């Protein structure tokens, strides 16, 4: 058993090392390509007994600047806004998103696309897809004999 433990540790270290190298590479590429940098909003996706949900962080965005489409089990969320900054000759820091984005999410087959709804509250866009009735969890009663 003691010979197995070092291989697990080395695997964990290798994975962590690989992630760190990937992160450094991505940062380097972004630094060279800053003029064409694409912004992608942070997102969460989860399900519960009643539905499947996609949530995106879009602070400062208006619902009129965002479009949602579902085609072939793919949810596409697009947005475009161009905020003009008055009296800003030279930025010292600019991390707040401006411009356009697109994100695609593969939806599970158990959701009802035609009954989807969306809300935009406090900078969070939440898209709700109810589950089909046959996909919902149900209890089966056990009969005593």
Protein backbone atom coordinates (compact mmCIF):
# COMPACT_ATOMS: atom_id res chain seq x y z
CA UNK A 1 0.00 0.00 0.00
CA UNK A 2 2.89 2.40 0.65
CA UNK A 3 4.05 2.12 -2.98
CA UNK A 4 0.60 3.20 -4.22
CA UNK A 5 0.48 6.44 -2.22
CA UNK A 6 3.47 8.17 -3.92
CA UNK A 7 1.95 7.56 -7.35
CA UNK A 8 -1.28 9.27 -6.26
CA UNK A 9 0.68 12.19 -4.84
CA UNK A 10 2.73 12.52 -8.02
CA UNK A 11 -0.46 12.43 -10.10
CA UNK A 12 -1.97 15.20 -7.98
CA UNK A 13 1.22 17.24 -8.25
CA UNK A 14 1.38 16.66 -12.01
CA UNK A 15 -2.26 17.74 -12.44
CA UNK A 16 -1.66 20.86 -10.35
CA UNK A 17 1.52 21.58 -12.30
CA UNK A 18 -0.30 21.13 -15.63
CA UNK A 19 -3.09 23.48 -14.52
CA UNK A 20 -0.53 26.09 -13.48
CA UNK A 21 1.28 25.81 -16.84
CA UNK A 22 -2.07 26.12 -18.68
CA UNK A 23 -2.95 29.21 -16.63
CA UNK A 24 0.41 30.86 -17.31
CA UNK A 25 0.16 30.05 -21.03
CA UNK A 26 -3.36 31.49 -21.24
CA UNK A 27 -2.28 34.68 -19.44
CA UNK A 28 0.67 35.07 -21.82
CA UNK A 29 -1.54 34.63 -24.88
CA UNK A 30 -4.02 37.19 -23.52
CA UNK A 31 -1.22 39.69 -22.90
CA UNK A 32 -0.09 39.48 -26.54
CA UNK A 33 -3.64 39.52 -27.86
CA UNK A 34 -5.11 42.22 -25.56
CA UNK A 35 -6.51 44.23 -28.47
CA UNK A 36 -8.70 41.31 -29.56
CA UNK A 37 -9.50 39.98 -26.10
CA UNK A 38 -12.93 38.37 -25.82
CA UNK A 39 -14.89 38.64 -22.61
CA UNK A 40 -16.93 35.69 -21.40
CA UNK A 41 -19.24 36.15 -18.40
CA UNK A 42 -19.02 33.73 -15.48
CA UNK A 43 -21.78 31.13 -15.38
CA UNK A 44 -23.34 28.42 -13.24
CA UNK A 45 -25.52 25.53 -14.42
CA UNK A 46 -27.39 23.13 -12.13
CA UNK A 47 -30.51 21.07 -11.78
CA UNK A 48 -32.93 20.14 -9.04
CA UNK A 49 -36.04 17.96 -8.92
CA UNK A 50 -38.10 20.47 -10.94
CA UNK A 51 -35.78 22.01 -13.48
CA UNK A 52 -32.46 22.87 -15.07
CA UNK A 53 -30.97 26.34 -14.56
CA UNK A 54 -28.31 28.49 -16.18
CA UNK A 55 -27.16 31.61 -14.39
CA UNK A 56 -24.76 34.25 -15.73
CA UNK A 57 -23.11 37.20 -14.03
CA UNK A 58 -23.94 40.27 -16.13
CA UNK A 59 -23.64 43.30 -13.85
CA UNK A 60 -24.48 46.56 -15.59
CA UNK A 61 -26.12 44.84 -18.56
CA UNK A 62 -29.69 45.63 -19.57
CA UNK A 63 -32.05 42.81 -20.61
CA UNK A 64 -32.55 44.56 -23.99
CA UNK A 65 -28.82 43.99 -24.72
CA UNK A 66 -29.06 40.21 -24.22
CA UNK A 67 -30.61 37.58 -26.53
CA UNK A 68 -31.44 33.96 -25.71
CA UNK A 69 -32.01 31.22 -28.30
CA UNK A 70 -32.47 27.46 -28.11
CA UNK A 71 -31.72 25.33 -31.17
CA UNK A 72 -31.08 21.57 -31.18
CA UNK A 73 -30.56 21.28 -27.40
CA UNK A 74 -28.12 24.24 -27.42
CA UNK A 75 -28.84 27.41 -25.44
CA UNK A 76 -27.07 30.42 -26.93
CA UNK A 77 -26.73 33.55 -24.81
CA UNK A 78 -25.47 36.62 -26.68
CA UNK A 79 -24.97 40.16 -25.54
CA UNK A 80 -23.73 43.41 -26.94
CA UNK A 81 -23.37 46.81 -25.33
CA UNK A 82 -21.15 49.76 -26.03
CA UNK A 83 -20.78 52.04 -23.06
CA UNK A 84 -19.19 55.37 -23.88
CA UNK A 85 -17.08 56.82 -21.08
CA UNK A 86 -17.16 60.60 -20.79
CA UNK A 87 -14.02 62.37 -19.56
CA UNK A 88 -11.92 59.18 -19.78
CA UNK A 89 -8.93 60.13 -21.89
CA UNK A 90 -6.70 57.45 -20.43
CA UNK A 91 -7.76 54.36 -18.49
CA UNK A 92 -5.56 53.23 -15.64
CA UNK A 93 -7.53 50.01 -15.25
CA UNK A 94 -10.37 48.61 -17.35
CA UNK A 95 -11.85 45.27 -16.33
CA UNK A 96 -15.58 45.96 -16.59
CA UNK A 97 -16.92 44.27 -19.69
CA UNK A 98 -17.92 46.27 -22.72
CA UNK A 99 -18.58 45.03 -26.23
CA UNK A 100 -20.02 41.64 -27.07
CA UNK A 101 -20.03 38.05 -25.89
CA UNK A 102 -21.58 34.69 -26.74
CA UNK A 103 -21.87 31.54 -24.62
CA UNK A 104 -23.31 28.18 -25.61
CA UNK A 105 -24.67 25.56 -23.23
CA UNK A 106 -25.73 22.02 -24.13
CA UNK A 107 -29.11 21.39 -22.52
CA UNK A 108 -30.17 18.01 -21.18
CA UNK A 109 -32.85 16.17 -23.13
CA UNK A 110 -35.24 16.10 -20.15
CA UNK A 111 -36.09 19.84 -20.22
CA UNK A 112 -39.02 21.60 -21.85
CA UNK A 113 -37.56 24.34 -24.06
CA UNK A 114 -40.92 25.91 -24.89
CA UNK A 115 -41.65 26.57 -21.20
CA UNK A 116 -38.35 28.29 -20.42
CA UNK A 117 -38.29 31.59 -18.56
CA UNK A 118 -35.60 34.13 -17.74
CA UNK A 119 -35.07 36.80 -15.10
CA UNK A 120 -32.42 39.49 -14.72
CA UNK A 121 -32.03 40.62 -11.11
CA UNK A 122 -29.13 42.43 -9.45
CA UNK A 123 -26.82 41.64 -12.36
CA UNK A 124 -27.64 37.92 -12.49
CA UNK A 125 -29.38 36.47 -15.52
CA UNK A 126 -31.16 33.23 -14.58
CA UNK A 127 -32.70 31.01 -17.24
CA UNK A 128 -35.06 28.28 -16.01
CA UNK A 129 -36.01 25.17 -17.97
CA UNK A 130 -38.66 23.00 -16.29
CA UNK A 131 -38.15 19.25 -16.42
CA UNK A 132 -40.52 17.06 -18.38
CA UNK A 133 -42.95 15.26 -16.09
CA UNK A 134 -41.52 11.85 -16.98
CA UNK A 135 -38.04 13.04 -15.96
CA UNK A 136 -39.09 14.23 -12.51
CA UNK A 137 -38.29 12.10 -9.51
CA UNK A 138 -41.28 10.28 -8.07
CA UNK A 139 -41.71 8.00 -5.13
CA UNK A 140 -42.91 4.45 -5.52
CA UNK A 141 -44.92 3.14 -2.63
CA UNK A 142 -44.22 -0.37 -1.41
CA UNK A 143 -47.31 -2.44 -0.76
CA UNK A 144 -47.39 -4.81 2.13
CA UNK A 145 -48.48 -8.34 1.24
